């Protein structure tokens, strides 16, 4: 969903918000080892979810659509080909 949002150039921040929600749910549901395990072991074992949550947060904080979407690149290319006129 985020890849499609980046290609088209819309709803990347929304898709990243849902991605953070999914990763937080996966972290809560699959990573918990029980009350007998120390908290630092739980956090160490669930690093993979934190990495993905950080990537999704970077998509929300930054503005990836103008930089990475194909639509903005096509718009810039057409602007250059047509001599600076707005398409």
C-alpha atoms as a PDB file:
ATOM      1  CA  UNK A   1       0.000   0.000   0.000  1.00  0.00           C
ATOM      2  CA  UNK A   2       2.824   2.392   0.804  1.00  0.00           C
ATOM      3  CA  UNK A   3       4.693   1.418  -2.356  1.00  0.00           C
ATOM      4  CA  UNK A   4       1.616   2.133  -4.427  1.00  0.00           C
ATOM      5  CA  UNK A   5       1.186   5.431  -2.604  1.00  0.00           C
ATOM      6  CA  UNK A   6       4.772   6.384  -3.403  1.00  0.00           C
ATOM      7  CA  UNK A   7       4.432   5.474  -7.074  1.00  0.00           C
ATOM      8  CA  UNK A   8       1.178   7.341  -7.560  1.00  0.00           C
ATOM      9  CA  UNK A   9       2.059  10.113  -5.121  1.00  0.00           C
ATOM     10  CA  UNK A  10      -1.014  10.105  -2.901  1.00  0.00           C
ATOM     11  CA  UNK A  11      -1.936   8.902   0.588  1.00  0.00           C
ATOM     12  CA  UNK A  12       1.579   7.869   1.608  1.00  0.00           C
ATOM     13  CA  UNK A  13       1.221   9.435   5.056  1.00  0.00           C
ATOM     14  CA  UNK A  14      -2.148   7.771   5.566  1.00  0.00           C
ATOM     15  CA  UNK A  15      -0.778   4.394   4.516  1.00  0.00           C
ATOM     16  CA  UNK A  16       2.175   4.895   6.869  1.00  0.00           C
ATOM     17  CA  UNK A  17      -0.205   5.630   9.726  1.00  0.00           C
ATOM     18  CA  UNK A  18      -1.990   2.357   9.082  1.00  0.00           C
ATOM     19  CA  UNK A  19       1.407   0.642   8.802  1.00  0.00           C
ATOM     20  CA  UNK A  20       2.377   1.910  12.243  1.00  0.00           C
ATOM     21  CA  UNK A  21      -0.929   0.610  13.587  1.00  0.00           C
ATOM     22  CA  UNK A  22      -0.351  -2.834  12.078  1.00  0.00           C
ATOM     23  CA  UNK A  23       3.227  -2.996  13.356  1.00  0.00           C
ATOM     24  CA  UNK A  24       2.136  -1.932  16.859  1.00  0.00           C
ATOM     25  CA  UNK A  25      -0.530  -4.657  16.830  1.00  0.00           C
ATOM     26  CA  UNK A  26       1.994  -7.253  15.668  1.00  0.00           C
ATOM     27  CA  UNK A  27       4.388  -6.093  18.355  1.00  0.00           C
ATOM     28  CA  UNK A  28       1.717  -6.425  21.025  1.00  0.00           C
ATOM     29  CA  UNK A  29       0.302  -9.740  19.829  1.00  0.00           C
ATOM     30  CA  UNK A  30       3.310 -11.772  18.723  1.00  0.00           C
ATOM     31  CA  UNK A  31       6.244 -10.388  20.652  1.00  0.00           C
ATOM     32  CA  UNK A  32       5.090 -10.745  24.254  1.00  0.00           C
ATOM     33  CA  UNK A  33       6.740 -13.705  25.943  1.00  0.00           C
ATOM     34  CA  UNK A  34       4.844 -13.555  29.201  1.00  0.00           C
ATOM     35  CA  UNK A  35       5.172 -12.012  32.648  1.00  0.00           C
ATOM     36  CA  UNK A  36       8.182 -14.144  33.571  1.00  0.00           C
ATOM     37  CA  UNK A  37      10.439 -12.491  30.938  1.00  0.00           C
ATOM     38  CA  UNK A  38      12.298  -9.263  31.701  1.00  0.00           C
ATOM     39  CA  UNK A  39      11.185  -6.156  29.801  1.00  0.00           C
ATOM     40  CA  UNK A  40      14.598  -5.623  28.189  1.00  0.00           C
ATOM     41  CA  UNK A  41      14.473  -9.142  26.696  1.00  0.00           C
ATOM     42  CA  UNK A  42      11.044  -8.421  25.250  1.00  0.00           C
ATOM     43  CA  UNK A  43      12.276  -5.169  23.692  1.00  0.00           C
ATOM     44  CA  UNK A  44      15.415  -6.860  22.370  1.00  0.00           C
ATOM     45  CA  UNK A  45      13.451  -9.697  20.796  1.00  0.00           C
ATOM     46  CA  UNK A  46      11.035  -7.327  19.088  1.00  0.00           C
ATOM     47  CA  UNK A  47      13.557  -5.043  17.358  1.00  0.00           C
ATOM     48  CA  UNK A  48      12.199  -5.913  13.918  1.00  0.00           C
ATOM     49  CA  UNK A  49       8.883  -4.219  14.647  1.00  0.00           C
ATOM     50  CA  UNK A  50      10.571  -1.086  15.994  1.00  0.00           C
ATOM     51  CA  UNK A  51      12.644  -0.726  12.822  1.00  0.00           C
ATOM     52  CA  UNK A  52       9.547  -0.844  10.633  1.00  0.00           C
ATOM     53  CA  UNK A  53       7.659   1.545  12.921  1.00  0.00           C
ATOM     54  CA  UNK A  54      10.576   3.980  12.598  1.00  0.00           C
ATOM     55  CA  UNK A  55      10.490   3.709   8.788  1.00  0.00           C
ATOM     56  CA  UNK A  56       6.761   4.409   8.728  1.00  0.00           C
ATOM     57  CA  UNK A  57       7.256   7.374  11.058  1.00  0.00           C
ATOM     58  CA  UNK A  58       9.887   8.748   8.667  1.00  0.00           C
ATOM     59  CA  UNK A  59       7.316   8.618   5.864  1.00  0.00           C
ATOM     60  CA  UNK A  60       4.844  10.523   8.022  1.00  0.00           C
ATOM     61  CA  UNK A  61       7.326  13.171   9.185  1.00  0.00           C
ATOM     62  CA  UNK A  62       8.928  13.698   5.790  1.00  0.00           C
ATOM     63  CA  UNK A  63       7.104  14.505   2.582  1.00  0.00           C
ATOM     64  CA  UNK A  64       7.896  11.583   0.279  1.00  0.00           C
ATOM     65  CA  UNK A  65       5.390  12.345  -2.476  1.00  0.00           C
ATOM     66  CA  UNK A  66       7.187  15.354  -4.025  1.00  0.00           C
ATOM     67  CA  UNK A  67      10.549  13.605  -3.848  1.00  0.00           C
ATOM     68  CA  UNK A  68       9.842   9.999  -4.802  1.00  0.00           C
ATOM     69  CA  UNK A  69       6.560   9.741  -6.706  1.00  0.00           C
ATOM     70  CA  UNK A  70       6.545   9.073 -10.422  1.00  0.00           C
ATOM     71  CA  UNK A  71       3.818  11.659 -10.969  1.00  0.00           C
ATOM     72  CA  UNK A  72       5.989  14.518  -9.710  1.00  0.00           C
ATOM     73  CA  UNK A  73       8.923  13.278 -11.780  1.00  0.00           C
ATOM     74  CA  UNK A  74       6.708  13.092 -14.867  1.00  0.00           C
ATOM     75  CA  UNK A  75       5.397  16.594 -14.172  1.00  0.00           C
ATOM     76  CA  UNK A  76       8.965  17.959 -13.847  1.00  0.00           C
ATOM     77  CA  UNK A  77      10.060  16.151 -17.011  1.00  0.00           C
ATOM     78  CA  UNK A  78       7.131  17.560 -18.978  1.00  0.00           C
ATOM     79  CA  UNK A  79       7.909  21.021 -17.650  1.00  0.00           C
ATOM     80  CA  UNK A  80      11.478  20.737 -18.880  1.00  0.00           C
ATOM     81  CA  UNK A  81      10.436  19.364 -22.284  1.00  0.00           C
ATOM     82  CA  UNK A  82       7.832  22.055 -22.874  1.00  0.00           C
ATOM     83  CA  UNK A  83      10.197  24.864 -21.990  1.00  0.00           C
ATOM     84  CA  UNK A  84       8.989  25.831 -18.538  1.00  0.00           C
ATOM     85  CA  UNK A  85       5.245  26.065 -19.189  1.00  0.00           C
ATOM     86  CA  UNK A  86       3.067  24.589 -16.494  1.00  0.00           C
ATOM     87  CA  UNK A  87       1.264  21.414 -17.516  1.00  0.00           C
END
